[in-house]
Amino acid sequence: MDTSRTSFWPIMIAVFFGAFLSVLNTSTINVAIPSLMNSFDSDLSTMQWTLTGFMLATGLSAPLSGFLGDRFSNKRLYLYVLIGLALTSLLCAVAWSPIALIFFRMMQGFFCGIIMPTTMTIIYQTVHREKQAFAVSLWSIAAWMGPAFGPTIAGLILQYLSWQWLFLINVPLAILSIILAVRLIPHQQPSSQASLDISGLIMVLYCSFALLIAFSEGGNWGWGAWQTLVFMGSGFMILYLFVRRESRTPEPLLHLSVFHNNRFMISVVLSCIINASLYAGVYLVPLFMQTIQQVSPLQTGLTLLPASAVMAVVMPIIGKMYNRVGAFWLTVIGMLIMAYSQWQMNLLSVEVSSGYIMLWMMVRNIGIAFTSAPLTNAGMEEIPEKLYGHASAVSNWTRSGVSALAIGLFTTLLAWRQAIHVDALPEHGVGASENLVKNAMTAGVNDVFLLSGMLIVVSLPLTLVLRKKASVKKGKTPPFNRIESMKA
């Protein structure tokens, strides 16, 4: 495609709304989980699947984005998934049971998972090379506006309307995105008729599902129970077989050989740890404020808004600093900031003020802003240009899967630690049982924050790999011989 004839701003407007809508659906449901528990008379372990299942489906669809984009063209694929998002949002709004809502949310997550890598590919296919970096920074802002405004939008809706409107609001936004995409994104022709790796797809679906079930339900079943061992063992076994297959088949679903590059591999590992920490706060803070402190969803959203807004503002600034400072120092500084903020969040009490939570969530998100774009750039710098799409799909799949596993693991860990603290805390006076539960749950939340902070500290030595300058220069690519031989 001749990118010199395409218009920059119309394309960016068309992909901006879709990217924003995709991420918005990840962040609005966090604030609504306590309301959904009340509405469906369900427990946390069930309703957390409205988020966990969504993220799982997002990760499962990411590997398909490259294949579907080549088969149908990325513009058509973008239109198809926007239509699917609108339809599944309507289904979520009319869900009659927790199981129905979880199923429809997973369908919604499948379409949302394709939107982000597809809009990124559209940018690289249609925007002139000299403006691609600026375009990606704008695209990133759209992605972070979802977490910035999602909790507040959800809080307003839950305060004055019903939870169904969390999904109905998607419909007009999706229709607007479809109209903009039809009118503003240039026409594209399919670029490949490669066959779909059905066996690889089945494997990745099963191993992701099995591992998520094992980590989510292990606390309820018992970590030594046969159900946990079966799902965990079969999940890791199929994951191993999937990796072996994808490294040998001529038309893999995912080009996992990009992991042969140490810089890319370490950047993905660190990004997964950062994402896990991100979702620890996004998931636990609304739960703590609404369940323990009994504050409204609107107040919860307003408390989280400054932190997400600060991250969206700081990220482009860090992006401009990247060429001068480098990935290593930006990542180290960001991880230290995150670790310290997680320690402060480990000191929560039932009576803690919303201002305290707001402050340290802001500090934490500044740390995330320091690490997010530098880690992405550090990994992609050594990937040959022809493999950008494959590397992006692999990275999205890995991070989405780890994020989903993290939420399931955090939920299990929270329930386990809460039970331990209930036995350890003394009961005193009238109403002691209610206070006991609140104090025990607060202590459990603190334990999860402490664990995520320790994970960041332990992973700091991995950043040493980022000190090495990227080996790719203009017109040159690193030796990805195994990848090239597979494609030959």
Protein backbone atom coordinates (compact mmCIF):
# COMPACT_ATOMS: atom_id res chain seq x y z
CA MET A 1 0.00 0.00 0.00
CA ASP A 2 1.23 3.49 -0.87
CA THR A 3 1.25 5.20 2.50
CA SER A 4 2.28 8.53 1.01
CA ARG A 5 -1.27 9.15 -0.28
CA THR A 6 -3.10 8.35 2.90
CA SER A 7 -4.30 11.05 5.27
CA PHE A 8 -2.87 10.87 8.77
CA TRP A 9 -5.61 12.34 10.96
CA PRO A 10 -8.63 10.58 9.39
CA ILE A 11 -6.92 7.21 9.91
CA MET A 12 -6.00 8.06 13.50
CA ILE A 13 -9.55 9.17 14.28
CA ALA A 14 -10.92 5.91 12.86
CA VAL A 15 -8.63 3.66 14.92
CA PHE A 16 -8.73 5.89 18.03
CA PHE A 17 -12.39 5.25 18.81
CA GLY A 18 -12.10 1.48 18.33
CA ALA A 19 -9.01 1.21 20.54
CA PHE A 20 -10.67 3.31 23.23
CA LEU A 21 -13.85 1.21 23.13
CA SER A 22 -11.88 -2.04 23.39
CA VAL A 23 -9.98 -1.02 26.53
CA LEU A 24 -13.02 0.71 28.05
CA ASN A 25 -14.74 -2.68 28.32
CA THR A 26 -11.86 -4.00 30.41
CA SER A 27 -12.00 -1.24 33.02
CA THR A 28 -15.72 -0.53 33.48
CA ILE A 29 -16.55 -3.97 34.88
CA ASN A 30 -14.06 -3.70 37.77
CA VAL A 31 -16.16 -1.13 39.61
CA ALA A 32 -19.35 -3.07 38.87
CA ILE A 33 -18.37 -6.44 40.39
CA PRO A 34 -19.88 -5.71 43.84
CA SER A 35 -23.10 -4.47 42.16
CA LEU A 36 -23.24 -7.60 40.00
CA MET A 37 -22.76 -9.77 43.08
CA ASN A 38 -25.80 -8.12 44.66
CA SER A 39 -27.91 -8.14 41.51
CA PHE A 40 -27.36 -11.83 40.77
CA ASP A 41 -27.06 -12.86 44.44
CA SER A 42 -23.71 -14.43 43.61
CA ASP A 43 -20.28 -14.62 45.25
CA LEU A 44 -16.96 -13.04 44.33
CA SER A 45 -15.38 -16.23 43.01
CA THR A 46 -18.16 -16.46 40.41
CA MET A 47 -18.53 -12.82 39.40
CA GLN A 48 -14.79 -12.23 39.07
CA TRP A 49 -15.09 -14.41 35.95
CA THR A 50 -16.83 -11.48 34.23
CA LEU A 51 -13.36 -9.92 34.24
CA THR A 52 -11.17 -13.03 34.18
CA GLY A 53 -13.17 -14.70 31.40
CA PHE A 54 -13.14 -11.50 29.36
CA MET A 55 -9.36 -11.25 29.65
CA LEU A 56 -8.92 -14.93 28.85
CA ALA A 57 -10.97 -14.53 25.66
CA THR A 58 -8.97 -11.41 24.82
CA GLY A 59 -5.77 -13.41 25.05
CA LEU A 60 -7.18 -16.31 23.05
CA SER A 61 -8.24 -14.13 20.13
CA ALA A 62 -4.94 -12.25 19.91
CA PRO A 63 -3.11 -15.13 18.15
CA LEU A 64 -5.83 -15.18 15.48
CA SER A 65 -5.55 -11.48 14.62
CA GLY A 66 -2.57 -11.91 12.28
CA PHE A 67 -4.10 -14.81 10.38
CA LEU A 68 -7.55 -13.17 10.08
CA GLY A 69 -6.03 -9.85 9.02
CA ASP A 70 -4.10 -11.55 6.22
CA ARG A 71 -7.16 -13.55 5.15
CA PHE A 72 -9.83 -10.81 5.14
CA SER A 73 -7.73 -7.58 5.21
CA ASN A 74 -7.34 -5.63 8.43
CA LYS A 75 -9.98 -3.05 7.50
CA ARG A 76 -12.64 -5.73 7.00
CA LEU A 77 -11.53 -7.54 10.15
CA TYR A 78 -11.79 -4.29 12.11
CA LEU A 79 -15.35 -3.78 10.87
CA TYR A 80 -16.34 -7.38 11.64
CA VAL A 81 -15.10 -7.26 15.24
CA LEU A 82 -16.76 -3.89 15.87
CA ILE A 83 -20.08 -5.40 14.75
CA GLY A 84 -19.43 -8.41 16.99
CA LEU A 85 -18.65 -6.13 19.92
CA ALA A 86 -21.94 -4.26 19.49
CA LEU A 87 -23.97 -7.48 19.33
CA THR A 88 -22.30 -9.11 22.33
CA SER A 89 -22.76 -5.91 24.35
CA LEU A 90 -26.51 -6.19 23.76
CA LEU A 91 -26.39 -9.82 24.89
CA CYS A 92 -24.54 -8.85 28.07
CA ALA A 93 -27.23 -6.26 28.85
CA VAL A 94 -29.99 -8.89 28.70
CA ALA A 95 -28.05 -11.60 30.59
CA TRP A 96 -30.42 -13.51 32.90
CA SER A 97 -27.87 -15.32 35.10
CA PRO A 98 -24.21 -15.12 36.15
CA ILE A 99 -23.31 -17.94 33.74
CA ALA A 100 -25.01 -16.15 30.82
CA LEU A 101 -23.26 -12.88 31.63
CA ILE A 102 -19.87 -14.59 31.92
CA PHE A 103 -20.39 -16.36 28.58
CA PHE A 104 -21.43 -13.18 26.77
CA ARG A 105 -18.53 -11.30 28.38
CA MET A 106 -16.14 -13.91 27.01
CA MET A 107 -17.65 -13.44 23.54
CA GLN A 108 -17.22 -9.69 23.99
CA GLY A 109 -13.61 -10.22 25.06
CA PHE A 110 -12.91 -12.29 21.97
CA PHE A 111 -13.81 -9.37 19.70
CA CYS A 112 -12.05 -6.79 21.90
CA GLY A 113 -8.87 -8.87 21.83
CA ILE A 114 -8.67 -8.57 18.05
CA ILE A 115 -9.24 -4.81 17.98
CA MET A 116 -5.94 -3.72 19.57
CA PRO A 117 -3.47 -5.67 17.36
CA THR A 118 -5.62 -4.95 14.30
CA THR A 119 -5.65 -1.18 14.82
CA MET A 120 -1.89 -1.28 15.40
CA THR A 121 -1.41 -3.16 12.12
CA ILE A 122 -3.63 -0.66 10.28
CA ILE A 123 -1.38 2.15 11.51
CA TYR A 124 1.76 0.46 10.18
CA GLN A 125 0.08 -0.39 6.88
CA THR A 126 -1.42 3.03 6.15
CA VAL A 127 0.63 5.70 7.94
CA HIS A 128 3.86 7.01 6.42
CA ARG A 129 6.95 5.65 8.15
CA GLU A 130 8.10 9.07 9.35
CA LYS A 131 4.83 9.54 11.27
CA GLN A 132 4.43 6.02 12.61
CA ALA A 133 6.04 6.73 15.99
CA PHE A 134 3.75 9.70 16.56
CA ALA A 135 0.77 7.65 15.43
CA VAL A 136 1.58 4.86 17.89
CA SER A 137 1.87 7.37 20.74
CA LEU A 138 -1.63 8.67 19.93
CA TRP A 139 -2.90 5.11 19.70
CA SER A 140 -1.40 4.43 23.14
CA ILE A 141 -3.20 7.44 24.59
CA ALA A 142 -6.48 6.04 23.26
CA ALA A 143 -5.69 2.72 24.92
CA TRP A 144 -4.99 4.36 28.27
CA MET A 145 -8.04 6.61 28.19
CA GLY A 146 -10.13 3.50 28.84
CA PRO A 147 -8.57 2.81 32.26
CA ALA A 148 -8.57 6.57 32.97
CA PHE A 149 -12.27 7.14 32.42
CA GLY A 150 -13.73 3.63 32.64
CA PRO A 151 -14.11 3.46 36.45
CA THR A 152 -15.63 6.97 36.58
CA ILE A 153 -18.05 6.26 33.73
CA ALA A 154 -19.02 3.00 35.44
CA GLY A 155 -19.47 4.78 38.74
CA LEU A 156 -21.79 7.37 37.19
CA ILE A 157 -23.84 4.70 35.44
CA LEU A 158 -24.17 2.57 38.56
CA GLN A 159 -25.05 5.62 40.66
CA TYR A 160 -27.91 6.83 38.45
CA LEU A 161 -28.82 3.94 36.13
CA SER A 162 -28.43 0.16 36.22
CA TRP A 163 -25.49 -2.15 35.42
CA GLN A 164 -27.07 -3.03 32.06
CA TRP A 165 -26.10 0.43 30.79
CA LEU A 166 -22.43 -0.47 31.20
CA PHE A 167 -22.94 -2.59 28.08
CA LEU A 168 -25.63 -0.61 26.26
CA ILE A 169 -23.31 2.41 26.09
CA ASN A 170 -21.03 0.34 23.82
CA VAL A 171 -23.60 0.14 21.04
CA PRO A 172 -23.63 3.79 19.86
CA LEU A 173 -19.85 4.01 20.29
CA ALA A 174 -19.39 0.88 18.18
CA ILE A 175 -21.71 2.21 15.47
CA LEU A 176 -19.75 5.48 15.40
CA SER A 177 -16.49 3.53 15.09
CA ILE A 178 -17.92 1.47 12.22
CA ILE A 179 -19.01 4.59 10.30
CA LEU A 180 -15.59 6.20 10.78
CA ALA A 181 -13.76 3.03 9.71
CA VAL A 182 -15.84 2.64 6.55
CA ARG A 183 -15.34 6.26 5.51
CA LEU A 184 -11.78 7.01 6.66
CA ILE A 185 -9.63 3.85 6.48
CA PRO A 186 -8.29 3.12 2.96
CA HIS A 187 -9.46 -0.02 1.18
CA GLN A 188 -7.18 -3.03 1.62
CA GLN A 189 -6.80 -6.33 -0.21
CA PRO A 190 -6.25 -9.66 1.60
CA SER A 191 -2.53 -10.44 1.62
CA SER A 192 -2.50 -14.19 2.26
CA GLN A 193 -4.53 -17.36 1.83
CA ALA A 194 -2.54 -19.41 4.33
CA SER A 195 -4.43 -22.20 6.06
CA LEU A 196 -5.34 -21.91 9.73
CA ASP A 197 -3.32 -24.07 12.12
CA ILE A 198 -6.37 -25.79 13.63
CA SER A 199 -4.36 -28.12 15.86
CA GLY A 200 -2.33 -25.21 17.23
CA LEU A 201 -5.51 -23.21 17.85
CA ILE A 202 -7.12 -26.08 19.79
CA MET A 203 -3.96 -26.51 21.84
CA VAL A 204 -3.66 -22.84 22.78
CA LEU A 205 -7.35 -22.67 23.66
CA TYR A 206 -7.15 -25.68 25.94
CA CYS A 207 -3.89 -24.88 27.73
CA SER A 208 -4.99 -21.29 28.44
CA PHE A 209 -8.38 -22.44 29.75
CA ALA A 210 -6.97 -25.31 31.84
CA LEU A 211 -4.29 -23.20 33.51
CA LEU A 212 -6.74 -20.40 34.28
CA ILE A 213 -9.20 -22.86 35.84
CA ALA A 214 -6.41 -24.41 37.93
CA PHE A 215 -5.15 -21.08 39.28
CA SER A 216 -8.63 -19.65 39.80
CA GLU A 217 -10.22 -22.61 41.55
CA GLY A 218 -7.16 -24.14 43.22
CA GLY A 219 -7.91 -22.32 46.46
CA ASN A 220 -11.47 -23.68 46.56
CA TRP A 221 -10.64 -27.21 45.48
CA GLY A 222 -7.34 -27.41 47.34
CA TRP A 223 -3.96 -27.19 45.61
CA GLY A 224 -3.44 -30.90 46.06
CA ALA A 225 -6.93 -31.88 44.89
CA TRP A 226 -7.22 -34.08 41.82
CA GLN A 227 -9.17 -31.42 39.88
CA THR A 228 -6.40 -28.86 40.37
CA LEU A 229 -3.65 -31.32 39.51
CA VAL A 230 -5.45 -32.55 36.38
CA PHE A 231 -6.09 -29.09 34.97
CA MET A 232 -2.65 -27.78 35.87
CA GLY A 233 -0.79 -30.83 34.64
CA SER A 234 -2.71 -31.12 31.36
CA GLY A 235 -2.47 -27.35 30.82
CA PHE A 236 1.31 -27.29 31.10
CA MET A 237 1.64 -30.47 29.03
CA ILE A 238 -0.48 -29.08 26.16
CA LEU A 239 1.38 -25.77 26.40
CA TYR A 240 4.66 -27.65 25.95
CA LEU A 241 3.28 -29.57 22.96
CA PHE A 242 1.94 -26.31 21.49
CA VAL A 243 5.38 -24.68 21.71
CA ARG A 244 7.00 -27.72 20.05
CA ARG A 245 4.43 -27.74 17.27
CA GLU A 246 4.62 -24.01 16.55
CA SER A 247 8.42 -24.18 16.30
CA ARG A 248 8.25 -26.89 13.64
CA THR A 249 5.15 -26.33 11.52
CA PRO A 250 5.65 -24.31 8.29
CA GLU A 251 2.53 -22.15 8.91
CA PRO A 252 2.35 -21.65 12.70
CA LEU A 253 -0.44 -19.85 14.46
CA LEU A 254 2.21 -17.96 16.45
CA HIS A 255 5.86 -17.48 15.46
CA LEU A 256 7.20 -18.33 18.91
CA SER A 257 10.75 -18.26 17.54
CA VAL A 258 10.80 -14.52 18.23
CA PHE A 259 11.50 -15.59 21.82
CA HIS A 260 14.96 -16.69 20.67
CA ASN A 261 15.87 -13.04 20.95
CA ASN A 262 16.77 -12.44 24.61
CA ARG A 263 15.89 -8.75 24.57
CA PHE A 264 12.40 -9.46 23.24
CA MET A 265 11.87 -12.37 25.64
CA ILE A 266 12.92 -10.36 28.72
CA SER A 267 10.80 -7.39 27.67
CA VAL A 268 7.73 -9.65 27.44
CA VAL A 269 8.46 -11.28 30.82
CA LEU A 270 8.84 -7.90 32.51
CA SER A 271 5.72 -6.59 30.76
CA CYS A 272 3.77 -9.56 32.13
CA ILE A 273 4.95 -8.74 35.66
CA ILE A 274 4.01 -5.08 35.20
CA ASN A 275 0.58 -6.06 33.87
CA ALA A 276 -0.01 -8.37 36.82
CA SER A 277 0.78 -5.50 39.18
CA LEU A 278 -1.48 -3.18 37.20
CA TYR A 279 -4.46 -5.53 37.48
CA ALA A 280 -3.77 -6.18 41.16
CA GLY A 281 -4.62 -2.52 41.81
CA VAL A 282 -7.39 -2.21 39.24
CA TYR A 283 -9.12 -5.31 40.64
CA LEU A 284 -8.44 -5.04 44.38
CA VAL A 285 -8.98 -1.33 45.04
CA PRO A 286 -12.64 -1.19 43.85
CA LEU A 287 -13.31 -4.41 45.75
CA PHE A 288 -11.74 -2.98 48.92
CA MET A 289 -13.48 0.38 48.75
CA GLN A 290 -16.97 -0.93 47.96
CA THR A 291 -16.99 -4.14 50.01
CA ILE A 292 -15.03 -3.06 53.09
CA GLN A 293 -15.45 0.72 53.19
CA GLN A 294 -18.97 0.67 51.71
CA VAL A 295 -18.34 3.64 49.41
CA SER A 296 -20.37 4.19 46.24
CA PRO A 297 -19.22 3.05 42.78
CA LEU A 298 -19.07 6.72 41.74
CA GLN A 299 -16.71 7.62 44.56
CA THR A 300 -14.59 4.59 43.73
CA GLY A 301 -14.35 5.70 40.11
CA LEU A 302 -13.46 9.27 41.10
CA THR A 303 -10.74 7.96 43.41
CA LEU A 304 -9.16 5.94 40.59
CA LEU A 305 -9.57 8.60 37.90
CA PRO A 306 -6.51 10.76 38.77
CA ALA A 307 -4.19 7.75 38.82
CA SER A 308 -5.22 6.57 35.37
CA ALA A 309 -5.26 10.10 33.96
CA VAL A 310 -1.71 10.72 35.26
CA MET A 311 -0.51 7.54 33.56
CA ALA A 312 -2.08 8.59 30.25
CA VAL A 313 -0.36 11.99 30.48
CA VAL A 314 3.07 10.70 31.55
CA MET A 315 3.35 7.91 28.95
CA PRO A 316 3.91 10.16 25.89
CA ILE A 317 6.54 12.14 27.86
CA ILE A 318 8.41 8.93 28.68
CA GLY A 319 8.15 7.94 25.02
CA LYS A 320 10.00 11.11 24.03
CA MET A 321 12.69 10.43 26.65
CA TYR A 322 13.32 6.91 25.35
CA ASN A 323 15.93 7.75 22.70
CA ARG A 324 17.96 9.87 25.14
CA VAL A 325 17.73 7.79 28.33
CA GLY A 326 17.22 4.25 27.03
CA ALA A 327 15.03 1.36 28.13
CA PHE A 328 17.19 0.21 31.04
CA TRP A 329 17.11 3.28 33.26
CA LEU A 330 13.49 4.13 32.51
CA THR A 331 12.41 0.58 33.35
CA VAL A 332 14.49 0.38 36.54
CA ILE A 333 13.17 3.73 37.79
CA GLY A 334 9.61 2.72 36.98
CA MET A 335 9.88 -0.65 38.70
CA LEU A 336 11.36 0.92 41.85
CA ILE A 337 8.53 3.46 41.93
CA MET A 338 5.99 0.66 41.52
CA ALA A 339 7.58 -1.50 44.23
CA TYR A 340 7.54 1.37 46.75
CA SER A 341 3.93 2.26 45.94
CA GLN A 342 2.89 -1.39 46.33
CA TRP A 343 4.54 -1.35 49.76
CA GLN A 344 2.47 1.70 50.70
CA MET A 345 -0.69 -0.02 49.45
CA ASN A 346 0.27 -2.95 51.69
CA LEU A 347 -0.44 -0.67 54.69
CA LEU A 348 -4.19 -0.27 54.13
CA SER A 349 -6.61 -0.29 57.04
CA VAL A 350 -10.40 -0.32 57.17
CA GLU A 351 -10.42 3.40 58.02
CA VAL A 352 -7.83 4.48 55.42
CA SER A 353 -8.78 7.66 53.55
CA SER A 354 -9.61 7.78 49.85
CA GLY A 355 -6.91 10.44 49.51
CA TYR A 356 -4.25 7.93 50.63
CA ILE A 357 -5.43 5.40 48.06
CA MET A 358 -5.61 8.07 45.35
CA LEU A 359 -2.04 9.27 46.08
CA TRP A 360 -0.34 5.90 45.98
CA MET A 361 -2.34 4.69 43.01
CA MET A 362 -1.10 7.81 41.19
CA VAL A 363 2.50 7.06 42.20
CA ARG A 364 2.11 3.44 41.14
CA ASN A 365 0.72 4.40 37.74
CA ILE A 366 3.61 6.82 37.17
CA GLY A 367 5.89 3.82 37.64
CA ILE A 368 3.84 1.82 35.15
CA ALA A 369 4.11 4.71 32.66
CA PHE A 370 7.92 4.62 33.04
CA THR A 371 8.01 0.93 32.10
CA SER A 372 5.22 0.28 29.60
CA ALA A 373 6.37 1.94 26.37
CA PRO A 374 10.14 1.44 26.99
CA LEU A 375 9.66 -2.30 27.46
CA THR A 376 7.55 -2.56 24.30
CA ASN A 377 10.09 -0.59 22.25
CA ALA A 378 13.06 -2.46 23.71
CA GLY A 379 11.57 -5.78 22.65
CA MET A 380 10.49 -4.73 19.18
CA GLU A 381 13.78 -2.98 18.29
CA GLU A 382 15.54 -6.25 17.51
CA ILE A 383 12.65 -7.88 15.63
CA PRO A 384 12.92 -7.87 11.81
CA GLU A 385 10.35 -5.58 10.22
CA LYS A 386 8.59 -8.44 8.43
CA LEU A 387 7.94 -10.12 11.80
CA TYR A 388 6.42 -7.14 13.62
CA GLY A 389 2.93 -8.60 13.29
CA HIS A 390 3.96 -11.99 14.67
CA ALA A 391 5.90 -10.44 17.56
CA SER A 392 2.95 -8.21 18.41
CA ALA A 393 0.56 -11.19 18.40
CA VAL A 394 2.89 -13.24 20.61
CA SER A 395 3.36 -10.36 23.03
CA ASN A 396 -0.38 -9.61 23.27
CA TRP A 397 -1.24 -13.27 23.79
CA THR A 398 1.36 -13.74 26.51
CA ARG A 399 0.49 -10.59 28.43
CA SER A 400 -3.25 -11.16 28.20
CA GLY A 401 -2.91 -14.74 29.38
CA VAL A 402 -0.68 -13.81 32.31
CA SER A 403 -3.02 -10.96 33.28
CA ALA A 404 -5.99 -13.34 33.32
CA LEU A 405 -4.03 -15.87 35.37
CA ALA A 406 -2.93 -13.10 37.75
CA ILE A 407 -6.52 -12.07 38.48
CA GLY A 408 -7.53 -15.67 39.13
CA LEU A 409 -4.49 -16.20 41.34
CA PHE A 410 -5.05 -12.92 43.22
CA THR A 411 -8.66 -13.90 43.92
CA THR A 412 -7.60 -17.28 45.25
CA LEU A 413 -4.79 -15.76 47.29
CA LEU A 414 -7.13 -13.13 48.73
CA ALA A 415 -9.65 -15.77 49.87
CA TRP A 416 -6.89 -17.95 51.32
CA ARG A 417 -5.21 -15.13 53.25
CA GLN A 418 -8.57 -13.80 54.44
CA ALA A 419 -9.42 -17.19 55.93
CA ILE A 420 -6.05 -17.29 57.69
CA HIS A 421 -6.51 -13.79 59.12
CA VAL A 422 -10.05 -14.61 60.31
CA ASP A 423 -8.59 -17.38 62.49
CA ALA A 424 -5.75 -15.15 63.69
CA LEU A 425 -7.70 -11.99 64.58
CA PRO A 426 -9.43 -11.81 67.99
CA GLU A 427 -13.17 -11.05 68.31
CA HIS A 428 -14.23 -8.31 70.72
CA GLY A 429 -17.53 -6.59 71.52
CA VAL A 430 -20.85 -6.15 69.76
CA GLY A 431 -20.69 -6.47 65.99
CA ALA A 432 -17.29 -8.05 66.26
CA SER A 433 -18.00 -10.66 63.59
CA GLU A 434 -18.58 -8.00 60.92
CA ASN A 435 -15.46 -6.10 61.96
CA LEU A 436 -13.51 -9.33 62.00
CA VAL A 437 -14.42 -10.08 58.38
CA LYS A 438 -13.54 -6.53 57.29
CA ASN A 439 -10.18 -6.58 59.06
CA ALA A 440 -9.38 -10.03 57.73
CA MET A 441 -10.24 -9.06 54.16
CA THR A 442 -8.19 -5.87 54.48
CA ALA A 443 -5.22 -7.92 55.67
CA GLY A 444 -5.72 -10.26 52.70
CA VAL A 445 -5.73 -7.32 50.27
CA ASN A 446 -2.52 -6.07 51.89
CA ASP A 447 -0.90 -9.47 51.42
CA VAL A 448 -1.69 -9.47 47.69
CA PHE A 449 -0.22 -5.97 47.27
CA LEU A 450 2.88 -7.06 49.18
CA LEU A 451 3.31 -10.12 46.98
CA SER A 452 3.01 -8.13 43.76
CA GLY A 453 5.58 -5.62 45.07
CA MET A 454 8.00 -8.42 46.00
CA LEU A 455 7.59 -9.91 42.52
CA ILE A 456 8.69 -6.60 41.00
CA VAL A 457 11.77 -6.38 43.23
CA VAL A 458 12.80 -9.97 42.51
CA SER A 459 12.54 -9.38 38.75
CA LEU A 460 14.77 -6.26 38.76
CA PRO A 461 17.96 -8.18 37.75
CA LEU A 462 16.27 -9.11 34.46
CA THR A 463 16.51 -5.47 33.39
CA LEU A 464 20.29 -5.91 32.94
CA VAL A 465 19.54 -7.45 29.54
CA LEU A 466 18.11 -4.08 28.47
CA ARG A 467 21.47 -2.32 29.01
CA LYS A 468 22.73 -3.73 25.74
CA LYS A 469 22.04 -1.46 22.79
CA ALA A 470 19.59 -2.80 20.23
CA SER A 471 21.47 -4.54 17.42
CA VAL A 472 19.06 -3.58 14.64
CA LYS A 473 20.04 -0.61 12.50
CA LYS A 474 18.38 0.83 9.48
CA GLY A 475 18.41 -1.71 6.69
CA LYS A 476 19.72 -4.49 8.94
CA THR A 477 18.05 -7.27 10.88
CA PRO A 478 19.41 -9.64 13.50
CA PRO A 479 20.01 -13.27 12.60
CA PHE A 480 16.64 -14.96 12.97
CA ASN A 481 17.77 -17.91 10.93
CA ARG A 482 15.33 -20.40 12.39
CA ILE A 483 12.40 -18.14 11.69
CA GLU A 484 13.48 -17.49 8.13
CA SER A 485 14.06 -21.19 7.48
CA MET A 486 10.58 -21.93 8.75
CA LYS A 487 9.08 -19.38 6.39
CA ALA A 488 11.10 -20.51 3.38
